């Protein structure tokens, strides 16, 4: 890890600590201000204090129970804390309050995909990209889910759109490259992995994927 990376992480943690102090002070002056609880929670997450963040989101919802964004944020904190059942409940509430909340659909899809419920995840990712067609992450997530369901051509199309929307993303180029390799388009896959390495020469996963694609082109094992 570079000195710059370490310094960057320390800076982010320092900013989070400063934010925690600021919002705690604001809450001492006005403890029933839901926005301050909402803003304090992600700062606590940044510091790894997930249980404290969950309590802040819960307090915000006690004060403002029909806030779809807070239910969504609480769901993510619960998922990170290893409570997928509770996270699912909060996402269901969020989408009941706002059925057109694209980010909640994307997050619900991610949760379902992590539990192996691929078709259900596809439905939520599809809704997310319909509601917010410029969301590169939602397109990439839909592409990955479609690939898991064996729908490789549709998966390629979604991942290409993710890369078009966010061409500097190493992750999205790698996802596209892997799926291209699975379809046998090895030259295109190799090109994506090479572009990923041009963006981030230190990416170990892009380098590994590039080598695997080259081996497959020489008759080696296929991507899975």
Protein backbone atom coordinates (compact mmCIF):
# COMPACT_ATOMS: atom_id res chain seq x y z
CA UNK A 1 0.00 0.00 0.00
CA UNK A 2 1.38 3.41 -0.95
CA UNK A 3 2.01 6.23 1.48
CA UNK A 4 -0.54 8.28 -0.46
CA UNK A 5 -3.18 5.55 0.04
CA UNK A 6 -2.50 5.38 3.76
CA UNK A 7 -2.62 9.16 4.04
CA UNK A 8 -5.87 9.22 2.08
CA UNK A 9 -7.49 6.71 4.41
CA UNK A 10 -6.34 8.64 7.46
CA UNK A 11 -7.73 11.83 5.94
CA UNK A 12 -11.11 10.20 5.29
CA UNK A 13 -11.25 8.82 8.82
CA UNK A 14 -10.28 12.23 10.17
CA UNK A 15 -13.08 13.84 8.18
CA UNK A 16 -15.52 11.24 9.52
CA UNK A 17 -14.46 11.88 13.10
CA UNK A 18 -14.89 15.59 12.57
CA UNK A 19 -18.37 14.97 11.10
CA UNK A 20 -19.30 12.79 14.08
CA UNK A 21 -18.29 15.54 16.50
CA UNK A 22 -20.21 18.15 14.50
CA UNK A 23 -23.48 16.18 14.33
CA UNK A 24 -23.25 15.03 17.94
CA UNK A 25 -22.94 18.67 18.93
CA UNK A 26 -25.91 19.54 16.73
CA UNK A 27 -27.97 16.79 18.38
CA UNK A 28 -27.10 18.02 21.85
CA UNK A 29 -28.64 21.33 20.85
CA UNK A 30 -31.59 19.77 18.99
CA UNK A 31 -32.00 16.04 19.77
CA UNK A 32 -35.24 15.69 17.79
CA UNK A 33 -33.72 16.82 14.48
CA UNK A 34 -33.98 13.73 12.20
CA UNK A 35 -31.59 15.05 9.53
CA UNK A 36 -28.76 15.28 12.07
CA UNK A 37 -29.32 11.61 13.03
CA UNK A 38 -29.34 10.72 9.33
CA UNK A 39 -26.08 12.59 8.74
CA UNK A 40 -24.38 11.22 11.83
CA UNK A 41 -25.08 7.60 10.86
CA UNK A 42 -22.95 7.37 7.66
CA UNK A 43 -20.06 9.09 9.43
CA UNK A 44 -20.25 6.36 12.09
CA UNK A 45 -20.33 3.71 9.36
CA UNK A 46 -17.12 5.21 7.91
CA UNK A 47 -15.49 4.66 11.30
CA UNK A 48 -16.72 1.06 11.46
CA UNK A 49 -19.25 1.85 14.21
CA UNK A 50 -22.13 0.08 12.51
CA UNK A 51 -24.24 -0.65 15.57
CA UNK A 52 -24.10 3.00 16.56
CA UNK A 53 -25.05 3.97 13.01
CA UNK A 54 -28.03 1.61 13.11
CA UNK A 55 -29.22 3.26 16.32
CA UNK A 56 -29.00 6.69 14.70
CA UNK A 57 -31.03 5.59 11.69
CA UNK A 58 -33.59 3.99 13.99
CA UNK A 59 -33.87 7.21 15.97
CA UNK A 60 -34.29 9.19 12.76
CA UNK A 61 -37.13 6.86 11.77
CA UNK A 62 -38.74 7.19 15.18
CA UNK A 63 -38.88 10.92 14.51
CA UNK A 64 -39.76 10.62 10.81
CA UNK A 65 -41.16 7.10 10.18
CA UNK A 66 -42.23 7.60 6.56
CA UNK A 67 -38.84 8.57 5.14
CA UNK A 68 -38.08 6.07 2.36
CA UNK A 69 -34.44 7.18 2.08
CA UNK A 70 -33.80 6.51 5.76
CA UNK A 71 -35.36 3.05 5.58
CA UNK A 72 -33.07 2.34 2.62
CA UNK A 73 -30.01 3.63 4.47
CA UNK A 74 -30.88 1.59 7.55
CA UNK A 75 -31.25 -1.48 5.34
CA UNK A 76 -27.71 -1.04 4.04
CA UNK A 77 -26.31 -0.61 7.56
CA UNK A 78 -28.17 -3.75 8.66
CA UNK A 79 -26.86 -5.71 5.68
CA UNK A 80 -23.28 -4.62 6.45
CA UNK A 81 -23.85 -5.70 10.05
CA UNK A 82 -24.82 -9.20 8.90
CA UNK A 83 -28.58 -8.85 9.40
CA UNK A 84 -30.02 -9.58 5.93
CA UNK A 85 -33.53 -10.40 7.15
CA UNK A 86 -33.88 -7.06 8.89
CA UNK A 87 -32.32 -5.33 5.86
CA UNK A 88 -34.91 -6.93 3.58
CA UNK A 89 -37.72 -5.72 5.83
CA UNK A 90 -36.45 -2.13 5.68
CA UNK A 91 -36.09 -2.24 1.90
CA UNK A 92 -39.64 -3.53 1.58
CA UNK A 93 -40.83 -0.61 3.70
CA UNK A 94 -38.76 1.85 1.67
CA UNK A 95 -40.27 0.65 -1.60
CA UNK A 96 -43.76 0.56 -0.17
CA UNK A 97 -43.33 4.24 0.73
CA UNK A 98 -41.77 5.08 -2.65
CA UNK A 99 -42.17 2.39 -5.34
CA UNK A 100 -40.10 4.50 -7.77
CA UNK A 101 -37.05 4.78 -5.53
CA UNK A 102 -34.33 3.55 -7.90
CA UNK A 103 -31.55 3.23 -5.32
CA UNK A 104 -33.71 1.06 -3.07
CA UNK A 105 -34.44 -1.23 -6.04
CA UNK A 106 -30.70 -1.45 -6.77
CA UNK A 107 -29.89 -2.20 -3.14
CA UNK A 108 -32.69 -4.77 -2.90
CA UNK A 109 -31.31 -6.46 -6.01
CA UNK A 110 -27.85 -6.58 -4.46
CA UNK A 111 -29.21 -8.13 -1.27
CA UNK A 112 -31.23 -10.73 -3.16
CA UNK A 113 -28.31 -11.61 -5.45
CA UNK A 114 -26.08 -12.18 -2.42
CA UNK A 115 -28.65 -14.70 -1.18
CA UNK A 116 -28.80 -16.55 -4.50
CA UNK A 117 -32.24 -15.18 -5.47
CA UNK A 118 -31.08 -14.20 -8.94
CA UNK A 119 -34.41 -13.85 -10.77
CA UNK A 120 -35.82 -11.66 -8.02
CA UNK A 121 -32.62 -9.60 -8.09
CA UNK A 122 -32.90 -9.16 -11.87
CA UNK A 123 -36.41 -7.78 -11.46
CA UNK A 124 -35.20 -5.12 -9.02
CA UNK A 125 -32.11 -4.21 -11.06
CA UNK A 126 -34.27 -3.94 -14.17
CA UNK A 127 -36.61 -1.59 -12.36
CA UNK A 128 -33.63 0.45 -11.14
CA UNK A 129 -32.28 1.01 -14.67
CA UNK A 130 -35.76 1.85 -15.97
CA UNK A 131 -36.18 4.47 -13.29
CA UNK A 132 -32.62 5.81 -13.55
CA UNK A 133 -31.14 4.87 -16.94
CA UNK A 134 -27.95 6.85 -16.33
CA UNK A 135 -27.00 4.77 -13.26
CA UNK A 136 -23.88 2.86 -14.28
CA UNK A 137 -23.83 0.74 -11.13
CA UNK A 138 -27.39 -0.48 -11.68
CA UNK A 139 -26.57 -1.47 -15.27
CA UNK A 140 -23.45 -3.32 -14.10
CA UNK A 141 -25.39 -5.09 -11.37
CA UNK A 142 -28.11 -6.09 -13.81
CA UNK A 143 -25.46 -7.39 -16.19
CA UNK A 144 -23.82 -9.49 -13.48
CA UNK A 145 -27.18 -10.93 -12.40
CA UNK A 146 -28.14 -11.74 -15.99
CA UNK A 147 -24.81 -13.52 -16.46
CA UNK A 148 -25.49 -15.58 -13.34
CA UNK A 149 -28.82 -16.57 -14.90
CA UNK A 150 -27.08 -17.64 -18.11
CA UNK A 151 -28.33 -14.70 -20.16
CA UNK A 152 -24.89 -13.76 -21.41
CA UNK A 153 -25.76 -11.61 -24.43
CA UNK A 154 -28.13 -9.45 -22.39
CA UNK A 155 -25.49 -9.29 -19.67
CA UNK A 156 -22.88 -8.01 -22.13
CA UNK A 157 -25.26 -5.27 -23.29
CA UNK A 158 -25.86 -4.06 -19.73
CA UNK A 159 -22.17 -4.09 -18.83
CA UNK A 160 -21.29 -2.24 -22.03
CA UNK A 161 -23.78 0.44 -21.00
CA UNK A 162 -22.20 0.62 -17.53
CA UNK A 163 -18.78 1.16 -19.11
CA UNK A 164 -20.18 3.75 -21.52
CA UNK A 165 -21.65 5.67 -18.60
CA UNK A 166 -18.54 5.33 -16.43
CA UNK A 167 -15.55 4.59 -18.68
CA UNK A 168 -13.03 5.12 -15.90
CA UNK A 169 -14.37 2.28 -13.75
CA UNK A 170 -11.92 -0.60 -13.47
CA UNK A 171 -14.57 -2.74 -11.81
CA UNK A 172 -17.11 -2.31 -14.60
CA UNK A 173 -14.51 -3.00 -17.30
CA UNK A 174 -13.52 -6.17 -15.47
CA UNK A 175 -17.13 -7.31 -15.20
CA UNK A 176 -17.59 -6.72 -18.92
CA UNK A 177 -14.34 -8.51 -19.71
CA UNK A 178 -15.27 -11.59 -17.69
CA UNK A 179 -18.65 -11.91 -19.37
CA UNK A 180 -17.13 -11.36 -22.82
CA UNK A 181 -14.69 -14.17 -22.06
CA UNK A 182 -17.58 -16.40 -21.03
CA UNK A 183 -19.19 -15.77 -24.43
CA UNK A 184 -15.93 -16.66 -26.18
CA UNK A 185 -15.11 -13.09 -27.25
CA UNK A 186 -11.60 -13.34 -25.90
CA UNK A 187 -9.99 -10.56 -27.93
CA UNK A 188 -12.62 -8.10 -26.67
CA UNK A 189 -12.25 -9.42 -23.12
CA UNK A 190 -8.49 -8.98 -23.24
CA UNK A 191 -8.93 -5.43 -24.54
CA UNK A 192 -11.19 -4.60 -21.57
CA UNK A 193 -8.73 -6.01 -19.05
CA UNK A 194 -5.91 -4.06 -20.70
CA UNK A 195 -7.94 -0.85 -20.50
CA UNK A 196 -8.62 -1.58 -16.84
CA UNK A 197 -4.88 -1.87 -16.24
CA UNK A 198 -4.25 1.37 -18.08
CA UNK A 199 -6.64 3.03 -15.63
CA UNK A 200 -5.17 1.26 -12.59
CA UNK A 201 -1.84 -0.46 -13.25
CA UNK A 202 -1.86 -1.79 -9.66
CA UNK A 203 -5.12 -3.74 -10.09
CA UNK A 204 -4.26 -7.35 -9.20
CA UNK A 205 -7.67 -8.65 -10.28
CA UNK A 206 -7.44 -7.03 -13.71
CA UNK A 207 -3.97 -8.48 -14.19
CA UNK A 208 -5.17 -11.94 -13.12
CA UNK A 209 -8.20 -11.76 -15.42
CA UNK A 210 -5.99 -10.67 -18.31
CA UNK A 211 -3.70 -13.66 -17.80
CA UNK A 212 -6.67 -16.04 -17.53
CA UNK A 213 -8.15 -14.69 -20.77
CA UNK A 214 -4.82 -15.09 -22.55
CA UNK A 215 -4.55 -18.67 -21.26
CA UNK A 216 -8.07 -19.43 -22.47
CA UNK A 217 -7.17 -18.04 -25.91
CA UNK A 218 -4.22 -20.46 -25.96
CA UNK A 219 -6.61 -23.33 -25.21
CA UNK A 220 -6.55 -23.21 -21.41
CA UNK A 221 -9.47 -23.41 -18.98
CA UNK A 222 -12.54 -21.27 -19.58
CA UNK A 223 -13.83 -18.46 -17.38
CA UNK A 224 -16.56 -19.54 -14.97
